[in-house]
């Protein structure tokens, strides 16, 4: 679909800054020219300065220099001007220094005093008094131009910065929200419809997000459908295996087939649990749950498996969390704790121990489960909670990589955190933190 003529962001920025600089120079020139014209007109609009100069010279020659000075002072008061009659090269030292500098100025500023040539080498110098149209220093004009240029360029830069930064910040916040699980968000149409690089980026971002969300939905639905479809034939197969065993078939062969069938049923159940937790999200039924009771139930259920593995489980509970409660679903929390414990039991050699510790810290209930297995490489740690990820080389080939992924999702919907570390004295340490709902005694 055509989106019209594209106007690249580079040229937008370049032209904006260039126009700002040109406009600042033009406005500065216009303002200073206007002020200079007004200042000069304050002198030039006075009629009869030439005649006044001749008359002052006549007074000076016929009377005295002081009479000429008083004459010019009186007429200057009437005309609101400073008037000096000087002889070229001789009387200029009597003028104020600022006026002499203006008379000698050859710069591009034109606001020099009005100098009227009179006969016999005399000149009349006139400039406004500092009441009414005040005389402005050239530095005032220069400062004014710099100030105008600074203000205009600053406004242009602010506009360009907002033009670029606002849509990028919007895309960043949208990306963070999507990463947190809100797959319905997209970059706004106002930004995506821009005909520059930002608009192209927003359009590509929306297309990528749409494609990824579709892939995730298809993956989730595929796992759900396969799991549902597998449950019925697996159940029938298990019944057939049991009937075959009762009919006198080879017991070892039937037992092996039954174990594989149970493994498939377990995997199917885990996939359905993962799907259910992902779909429900924060909409789970929440009640006050005591994690101490949950972990005790988990240890009771795992006692036979731990004994079969030849592994001892050591539980340590801090007194400050014996009666602490968290807000959540007891069944889901039990499933999360059981998955973490099963992972620890699977990778602890016979004759070793699994250490379980529970304590309260800063309104957080902390559960530590540490095995005495080989641990995992550091580069594997960030992937342990990904679905179907298996660190085969370091942790063996048991399971399907779903147990810790399910535990992570369950802890997340309970507003908690789960992390894994290599313990200092060996083995893998999994730490679960859950916010305490009621205080500990």
Protein backbone atom coordinates (compact mmCIF):
# COMPACT_ATOMS: atom_id res chain seq x y z
CA UNK A 1 0.00 0.00 0.00
CA UNK A 2 1.40 3.40 -1.00
CA UNK A 3 2.04 5.81 1.86
CA UNK A 4 2.69 8.91 -0.26
CA UNK A 5 5.88 10.81 -0.79
CA UNK A 6 8.50 9.99 1.82
CA UNK A 7 10.31 12.89 3.50
CA UNK A 8 13.48 11.52 5.15
CA UNK A 9 14.17 12.47 8.74
CA UNK A 10 17.71 13.59 7.86
CA UNK A 11 16.43 16.31 5.57
CA UNK A 12 13.80 17.33 8.10
CA UNK A 13 16.46 17.94 10.73
CA UNK A 14 18.90 19.56 8.28
CA UNK A 15 16.34 21.94 6.78
CA UNK A 16 14.87 22.79 10.18
CA UNK A 17 18.24 23.81 11.63
CA UNK A 18 19.26 25.62 8.44
CA UNK A 19 16.00 27.59 8.33
CA UNK A 20 16.33 28.42 12.02
CA UNK A 21 19.80 29.86 11.52
CA UNK A 22 18.77 31.78 8.39
CA UNK A 23 15.64 33.09 10.08
CA UNK A 24 17.60 34.18 13.15
CA UNK A 25 20.06 36.12 11.00
CA UNK A 26 17.28 37.70 8.94
CA UNK A 27 15.23 38.69 11.98
CA UNK A 28 18.33 40.00 13.70
CA UNK A 29 19.22 42.17 10.72
CA UNK A 30 15.69 43.46 10.39
CA UNK A 31 15.45 44.35 14.08
CA UNK A 32 18.82 46.06 14.24
CA UNK A 33 18.20 47.86 10.97
CA UNK A 34 14.88 49.13 12.29
CA UNK A 35 16.43 50.29 15.54
CA UNK A 36 19.31 51.95 13.75
CA UNK A 37 16.96 53.67 11.34
CA UNK A 38 14.85 54.96 14.23
CA UNK A 39 17.94 56.21 16.03
CA UNK A 40 19.32 57.98 13.00
CA UNK A 41 15.92 59.41 12.16
CA UNK A 42 15.86 60.92 15.65
CA UNK A 43 18.69 63.11 14.42
CA UNK A 44 17.90 63.54 10.75
CA UNK A 45 14.29 64.48 11.33
CA UNK A 46 15.42 67.63 13.09
CA UNK A 47 15.01 70.42 10.52
CA UNK A 48 17.49 73.20 10.05
CA UNK A 49 20.63 71.65 11.54
CA UNK A 50 22.71 73.09 8.69
CA UNK A 51 21.35 76.58 9.30
CA UNK A 52 21.83 76.05 13.02
CA UNK A 53 25.47 75.15 12.47
CA UNK A 54 26.07 78.29 10.38
CA UNK A 55 24.37 80.44 12.98
CA UNK A 56 26.46 78.92 15.80
CA UNK A 57 29.64 79.59 13.80
CA UNK A 58 28.63 83.21 13.35
CA UNK A 59 28.04 83.58 17.10
CA UNK A 60 31.43 82.08 17.80
CA UNK A 61 33.23 84.40 15.38
CA UNK A 62 31.31 87.56 16.32
CA UNK A 63 31.15 87.00 20.04
CA UNK A 64 33.02 84.18 21.82
CA UNK A 65 33.39 80.45 22.04
CA UNK A 66 31.43 80.35 25.31
CA UNK A 67 28.54 82.27 23.73
CA UNK A 68 28.46 79.71 20.90
CA UNK A 69 28.45 76.84 23.42
CA UNK A 70 25.54 78.39 25.37
CA UNK A 71 23.68 79.03 22.12
CA UNK A 72 23.99 75.38 21.07
CA UNK A 73 22.99 74.17 24.53
CA UNK A 74 19.81 76.23 24.47
CA UNK A 75 18.89 75.12 20.94
CA UNK A 76 19.81 71.51 21.79
CA UNK A 77 17.41 71.55 24.73
CA UNK A 78 14.67 72.69 22.37
CA UNK A 79 15.51 69.97 19.84
CA UNK A 80 16.32 67.25 22.44
CA UNK A 81 19.84 66.91 21.02
CA UNK A 82 23.41 67.20 22.19
CA UNK A 83 25.11 69.78 19.91
CA UNK A 84 28.83 70.48 19.62
CA UNK A 85 30.58 72.88 17.21
CA UNK A 86 34.15 71.70 16.78
CA UNK A 87 37.09 72.58 14.62
CA UNK A 88 38.30 69.59 12.69
CA UNK A 89 41.40 68.05 14.28
CA UNK A 90 41.47 70.44 17.26
CA UNK A 91 38.30 70.32 19.33
CA UNK A 92 37.47 66.61 19.02
CA UNK A 93 39.14 65.83 22.32
CA UNK A 94 36.38 67.72 24.06
CA UNK A 95 33.80 65.24 22.92
CA UNK A 96 32.79 62.23 25.07
CA UNK A 97 34.90 59.17 24.38
CA UNK A 98 31.89 57.11 23.25
CA UNK A 99 31.05 59.80 20.66
CA UNK A 100 34.60 59.92 19.36
CA UNK A 101 34.57 56.14 18.97
CA UNK A 102 31.33 56.35 17.02
CA UNK A 103 32.68 59.08 14.76
CA UNK A 104 35.77 56.98 14.02
CA UNK A 105 33.82 53.76 13.54
CA UNK A 106 34.01 52.18 10.09
CA UNK A 107 32.12 48.99 10.97
CA UNK A 108 28.89 47.89 9.39
CA UNK A 109 26.92 49.62 12.15
CA UNK A 110 25.60 52.93 10.85
CA UNK A 111 24.46 54.58 14.08
CA UNK A 112 27.30 57.12 14.18
CA UNK A 113 26.64 60.74 15.30
CA UNK A 114 25.33 63.16 12.73
CA UNK A 115 28.28 65.28 11.58
CA UNK A 116 27.43 68.42 9.58
CA UNK A 117 30.25 70.14 7.73
CA UNK A 118 30.38 73.95 8.13
CA UNK A 119 32.60 76.44 6.40
CA UNK A 120 36.22 77.13 7.47
CA UNK A 121 36.82 73.55 8.70
CA UNK A 122 34.18 73.56 11.40
CA UNK A 123 31.74 70.71 12.03
CA UNK A 124 28.53 70.39 14.00
CA UNK A 125 28.21 67.09 15.85
CA UNK A 126 24.69 66.08 16.99
CA UNK A 127 23.28 63.05 18.79
CA UNK A 128 20.10 62.40 20.79
CA UNK A 129 19.80 63.08 24.48
CA UNK A 130 19.22 60.03 26.73
CA UNK A 131 15.55 60.86 27.23
CA UNK A 132 13.13 59.76 24.57
CA UNK A 133 14.95 57.85 21.81
CA UNK A 134 18.01 56.72 23.74
CA UNK A 135 21.23 56.10 21.90
CA UNK A 136 22.01 52.40 21.69
CA UNK A 137 25.54 51.07 21.84
CA UNK A 138 26.72 48.80 19.00
CA UNK A 139 27.20 46.12 21.65
CA UNK A 140 23.49 46.34 22.38
CA UNK A 141 22.73 45.53 18.75
CA UNK A 142 25.22 42.67 18.72
CA UNK A 143 23.84 41.27 21.97
CA UNK A 144 20.30 41.59 20.67
CA UNK A 145 21.15 39.69 17.49
CA UNK A 146 22.90 36.94 19.44
CA UNK A 147 19.95 36.67 21.82
CA UNK A 148 17.46 36.40 18.96
CA UNK A 149 19.62 33.81 17.20
CA UNK A 150 19.95 31.80 20.42
CA UNK A 151 16.22 31.87 21.10
CA UNK A 152 15.21 30.90 17.56
CA UNK A 153 17.81 28.12 17.22
CA UNK A 154 16.89 26.82 20.69
CA UNK A 155 13.22 26.66 19.77
CA UNK A 156 14.10 24.88 16.51
CA UNK A 157 16.28 22.36 18.34
CA UNK A 158 13.53 21.74 20.90
CA UNK A 159 11.06 21.14 18.10
CA UNK A 160 13.44 18.76 16.30
CA UNK A 161 14.25 16.93 19.54
CA UNK A 162 10.55 16.45 20.28
CA UNK A 163 9.95 15.40 16.70
CA UNK A 164 12.46 12.58 17.12
CA UNK A 165 12.32 11.70 20.81
CA UNK A 166 8.56 11.57 21.44
CA UNK A 167 7.78 8.80 18.93
CA UNK A 168 10.87 6.86 20.01
CA UNK A 169 9.85 7.09 23.67
CA UNK A 170 6.35 5.95 22.69
CA UNK A 171 7.80 2.96 20.86
CA UNK A 172 10.05 2.15 23.84
CA UNK A 173 7.14 2.19 26.29
CA UNK A 174 5.07 0.09 23.89
CA UNK A 175 7.89 -2.45 23.55
CA UNK A 176 8.26 -2.67 27.33
CA UNK A 177 4.52 -3.19 27.78
CA UNK A 178 4.55 -5.96 25.15
CA UNK A 179 7.54 -7.56 26.85
CA UNK A 180 5.55 -7.53 30.11
CA UNK A 181 2.80 -9.53 28.46
CA UNK A 182 0.36 -7.04 26.91
CA UNK A 183 0.35 -8.34 23.34
CA UNK A 184 -2.54 -6.10 22.28
CA UNK A 185 -0.51 -2.89 22.22
CA UNK A 186 0.90 -1.41 19.00
CA UNK A 187 2.60 1.86 18.05
CA UNK A 188 -0.07 4.51 17.44
CA UNK A 189 -1.29 5.17 13.90
CA UNK A 190 -0.26 8.81 14.14
CA UNK A 191 3.40 7.79 14.40
CA UNK A 192 3.18 4.87 11.98
CA UNK A 193 1.67 7.11 9.30
CA UNK A 194 4.62 9.54 9.29
CA UNK A 195 6.45 9.69 5.98
CA UNK A 196 9.98 9.43 7.33
CA UNK A 197 12.33 6.93 8.97
CA UNK A 198 10.43 7.09 12.26
CA UNK A 199 7.18 6.19 10.50
CA UNK A 200 8.91 3.36 8.63
CA UNK A 201 10.38 2.07 11.91
CA UNK A 202 7.00 2.20 13.63
CA UNK A 203 5.34 0.35 10.75
CA UNK A 204 8.05 -2.34 10.76
CA UNK A 205 7.77 -2.60 14.56
CA UNK A 206 4.01 -3.17 14.37
CA UNK A 207 4.42 -5.75 11.62
CA UNK A 208 7.12 -7.59 13.57
CA UNK A 209 5.06 -7.54 16.78
CA UNK A 210 1.98 -8.81 14.95
CA UNK A 211 3.96 -11.65 13.39
CA UNK A 212 5.60 -12.65 16.69
CA UNK A 213 2.28 -12.58 18.55
CA UNK A 214 0.68 -14.73 15.86
CA UNK A 215 3.53 -17.22 16.11
CA UNK A 216 3.24 -17.35 19.91
CA UNK A 217 -0.51 -17.83 19.72
CA UNK A 218 -0.15 -20.58 17.16
CA UNK A 219 2.51 -22.28 19.29
CA UNK A 220 0.34 -22.08 22.39
CA UNK A 221 -2.72 -23.39 20.60
CA UNK A 222 -0.70 -26.16 18.99
CA UNK A 223 0.64 -27.34 22.35
CA UNK A 224 -2.83 -27.16 23.87
CA UNK A 225 -4.46 -29.07 21.03
CA UNK A 226 -1.77 -31.75 20.91
CA UNK A 227 -1.92 -32.19 24.68
CA UNK A 228 -5.69 -32.52 24.65
CA UNK A 229 -5.60 -34.93 21.73
CA UNK A 230 -2.91 -37.09 23.38
CA UNK A 231 -4.67 -37.60 26.67
CA UNK A 232 -7.42 -39.89 25.38
CA UNK A 233 -5.22 -42.33 23.41
CA UNK A 234 -2.67 -42.41 26.22
CA UNK A 235 -5.34 -43.31 28.72
CA UNK A 236 -6.64 -46.07 26.44
CA UNK A 237 -3.10 -47.30 25.86
CA UNK A 238 -2.42 -47.51 29.60
CA UNK A 239 -5.61 -49.55 30.10
CA UNK A 240 -4.59 -51.86 27.26
CA UNK A 241 -1.12 -52.32 28.79
CA UNK A 242 -2.63 -53.21 32.15
CA UNK A 243 -4.99 -55.70 30.50
CA UNK A 244 -2.11 -57.22 28.55
CA UNK A 245 -0.10 -57.61 31.76
CA UNK A 246 -3.00 -59.40 33.43
CA UNK A 247 -3.28 -61.76 30.43
CA UNK A 248 0.19 -63.17 31.02
CA UNK A 249 2.30 -61.01 28.70
CA UNK A 250 5.96 -60.49 29.50
CA UNK A 251 5.94 -58.54 32.78
CA UNK A 252 9.25 -56.71 32.22
CA UNK A 253 8.20 -55.63 28.74
CA UNK A 254 4.79 -54.47 29.96
CA UNK A 255 6.37 -52.62 32.88
CA UNK A 256 8.72 -50.79 30.50
CA UNK A 257 5.88 -49.88 28.17
CA UNK A 258 3.80 -48.68 31.14
CA UNK A 259 6.64 -46.44 32.38
CA UNK A 260 6.95 -44.79 28.96
CA UNK A 261 3.20 -44.32 28.87
CA UNK A 262 3.29 -42.64 32.29
CA UNK A 263 6.10 -40.35 31.11
CA UNK A 264 3.99 -39.25 28.14
CA UNK A 265 1.02 -38.62 30.42
CA UNK A 266 3.19 -36.56 32.77
CA UNK A 267 4.52 -34.47 29.89
CA UNK A 268 1.00 -33.91 28.57
CA UNK A 269 -0.16 -32.82 32.02
CA UNK A 270 2.76 -30.38 32.31
CA UNK A 271 2.04 -28.85 28.90
CA UNK A 272 -1.60 -28.35 29.85
CA UNK A 273 -0.56 -26.78 33.16
CA UNK A 274 1.82 -24.41 31.36
CA UNK A 275 -0.94 -23.44 28.96
CA UNK A 276 -3.48 -22.94 31.76
CA UNK A 277 -1.12 -20.74 33.77
CA UNK A 278 -0.24 -18.65 30.71
CA UNK A 279 -3.89 -18.20 29.77
CA UNK A 280 -5.14 -17.37 33.26
CA UNK A 281 -2.35 -14.95 34.07
CA UNK A 282 -3.31 -12.79 37.03
CA UNK A 283 -6.95 -13.94 36.91
CA UNK A 284 -6.33 -16.91 39.21
CA UNK A 285 -8.40 -17.52 42.31
CA UNK A 286 -6.51 -16.00 45.25
CA UNK A 287 -6.74 -17.03 48.88
CA UNK A 288 -4.49 -16.82 51.90
CA UNK A 289 -1.97 -19.67 51.62
CA UNK A 290 0.68 -20.67 54.17
CA UNK A 291 3.81 -21.67 52.21
CA UNK A 292 5.13 -23.67 55.17
CA UNK A 293 2.21 -26.08 54.86
CA UNK A 294 2.59 -26.19 51.09
CA UNK A 295 6.29 -27.15 51.24
CA UNK A 296 5.54 -29.81 53.87
CA UNK A 297 2.88 -31.35 51.62
CA UNK A 298 5.35 -31.29 48.71
CA UNK A 299 7.99 -33.08 50.80
CA UNK A 300 5.46 -35.73 51.88
CA UNK A 301 4.49 -36.41 48.28
CA UNK A 302 8.14 -36.61 47.22
CA UNK A 303 9.27 -38.83 50.10
CA UNK A 304 8.97 -42.11 48.16
CA UNK A 305 10.80 -40.72 45.12
CA UNK A 306 13.57 -39.27 47.32
CA UNK A 307 13.97 -42.60 49.08
CA UNK A 308 14.11 -44.37 45.71
CA UNK A 309 16.83 -41.94 44.60
CA UNK A 310 18.77 -42.37 47.86
CA UNK A 311 18.60 -38.63 48.54
CA UNK A 312 17.79 -36.95 51.86
CA UNK A 313 15.78 -33.73 52.03
CA UNK A 314 16.70 -31.30 54.83
CA UNK A 315 14.09 -28.64 55.64
CA UNK A 316 14.93 -25.52 57.65
CA UNK A 317 12.16 -23.04 58.49
CA UNK A 318 12.83 -19.70 60.14
CA UNK A 319 10.54 -18.95 63.12
CA UNK A 320 9.49 -15.59 61.64
CA UNK A 321 7.74 -17.22 58.70
CA UNK A 322 6.00 -20.20 60.31
CA UNK A 323 2.63 -18.45 60.22
CA UNK A 324 3.22 -16.15 57.27
CA UNK A 325 0.73 -16.27 54.39
CA UNK A 326 0.84 -15.28 50.75
CA UNK A 327 -2.09 -14.45 48.51
CA UNK A 328 -2.55 -16.99 45.74
CA UNK A 329 -3.63 -20.43 44.58
CA UNK A 330 -2.51 -23.28 46.84
CA UNK A 331 -2.59 -25.88 44.08
CA UNK A 332 -0.46 -23.82 41.72
CA UNK A 333 2.08 -22.96 44.43
CA UNK A 334 2.32 -26.62 45.36
CA UNK A 335 2.95 -27.46 41.70
CA UNK A 336 5.69 -24.82 41.46
CA UNK A 337 7.46 -25.99 44.65
CA UNK A 338 7.13 -29.63 43.57
CA UNK A 339 8.66 -28.94 40.15
CA UNK A 340 11.66 -27.18 41.72
CA UNK A 341 12.13 -29.98 44.25
CA UNK A 342 11.79 -32.69 41.57
CA UNK A 343 14.44 -30.94 39.51
CA UNK A 344 16.76 -30.90 42.53
CA UNK A 345 16.11 -34.58 43.29
CA UNK A 346 16.69 -35.59 39.66
CA UNK A 347 20.16 -34.04 39.65
CA UNK A 348 21.39 -34.95 43.12
CA UNK A 349 23.59 -38.09 43.20
CA UNK A 350 22.59 -40.92 45.57
CA UNK A 351 23.87 -40.44 49.09
CA UNK A 352 23.75 -36.62 48.80
CA UNK A 353 21.20 -34.13 50.12
CA UNK A 354 18.73 -31.51 48.96
CA UNK A 355 18.60 -28.46 51.22
CA UNK A 356 15.32 -26.55 51.59
CA UNK A 357 15.24 -23.33 53.62
CA UNK A 358 12.39 -20.86 54.16
CA UNK A 359 12.69 -17.44 55.78
CA UNK A 360 11.13 -13.96 55.75
CA UNK A 361 13.05 -10.89 54.57
CA UNK A 362 11.67 -7.37 54.07
CA UNK A 363 8.03 -8.49 53.70
CA UNK A 364 9.14 -11.19 51.27
CA UNK A 365 8.96 -14.91 51.91
CA UNK A 366 12.14 -16.50 50.54
CA UNK A 367 12.35 -20.20 49.65
CA UNK A 368 15.81 -21.65 48.84
CA UNK A 369 16.12 -25.11 47.32
CA UNK A 370 19.72 -26.26 46.76
CA UNK A 371 20.86 -29.61 45.40
CA UNK A 372 24.31 -31.18 45.63
CA UNK A 373 24.56 -31.95 41.96
CA UNK A 374 27.09 -30.77 39.36
CA UNK A 375 25.49 -27.34 38.86
CA UNK A 376 25.25 -25.72 35.41
CA UNK A 377 27.55 -23.53 33.31
CA UNK A 378 27.05 -19.80 33.87
CA UNK A 379 25.91 -19.26 30.29
CA UNK A 380 23.11 -21.80 30.82
CA UNK A 381 21.61 -20.12 33.91
CA UNK A 382 19.54 -17.48 32.04
CA UNK A 383 17.85 -20.23 29.98
CA UNK A 384 16.86 -22.63 32.76
CA UNK A 385 13.33 -21.23 32.99
CA UNK A 386 12.62 -21.34 29.25
CA UNK A 387 10.07 -23.96 28.11
CA UNK A 388 11.62 -27.12 26.62
CA UNK A 389 15.15 -25.95 27.42
CA UNK A 390 17.36 -28.78 28.66
CA UNK A 391 20.95 -28.37 29.79
CA UNK A 392 21.79 -31.95 28.80
CA UNK A 393 25.55 -31.72 29.04
CA UNK A 394 25.61 -30.54 32.63
CA UNK A 395 22.32 -31.69 34.11
CA UNK A 396 21.58 -34.99 32.41
CA UNK A 397 18.80 -35.82 30.02
CA UNK A 398 15.82 -36.18 32.34
CA UNK A 399 12.54 -34.33 31.86
CA UNK A 400 11.36 -32.10 29.04
CA UNK A 401 12.42 -28.68 30.26
CA UNK A 402 8.91 -27.78 31.43
CA UNK A 403 9.13 -28.04 35.22
CA UNK A 404 11.11 -24.85 35.90
CA UNK A 405 9.26 -22.97 33.14
CA UNK A 406 5.94 -23.79 34.83
CA UNK A 407 7.38 -22.78 38.21
CA UNK A 408 8.51 -19.45 36.76
CA UNK A 409 5.06 -18.64 35.34
CA UNK A 410 3.31 -19.65 38.58
CA UNK A 411 5.64 -17.50 40.69
CA UNK A 412 5.19 -14.58 38.25
CA UNK A 413 1.38 -14.56 38.50
CA UNK A 414 1.80 -14.52 42.29
CA UNK A 415 3.81 -11.26 41.96
CA UNK A 416 6.99 -13.06 42.95
CA UNK A 417 10.44 -13.69 41.52
CA UNK A 418 12.46 -16.83 40.84
CA UNK A 419 16.18 -17.04 40.11
CA UNK A 420 18.81 -19.73 39.81
CA UNK A 421 22.47 -19.58 40.89
CA UNK A 422 25.40 -21.92 41.16
CA UNK A 423 25.94 -22.37 44.88
CA UNK A 424 29.37 -21.62 46.31
CA UNK A 425 29.77 -25.13 47.73
CA UNK A 426 28.41 -26.80 44.58
CA UNK A 427 25.04 -27.61 43.13
CA UNK A 428 22.22 -25.45 41.80
CA UNK A 429 20.41 -23.00 44.08
CA UNK A 430 16.88 -21.92 43.12
CA UNK A 431 15.51 -18.92 45.04
CA UNK A 432 11.79 -18.09 45.12
CA UNK A 433 10.52 -14.79 46.58
CA UNK A 434 6.83 -14.17 47.26
CA UNK A 435 5.24 -11.08 48.84
CA UNK A 436 3.89 -11.78 52.33
CA UNK A 437 0.14 -11.19 52.65
CA UNK A 438 -0.15 -11.46 56.45
CA UNK A 439 2.65 -10.78 58.90
CA UNK A 440 4.69 -13.49 60.54
CA UNK A 441 4.56 -14.13 64.28
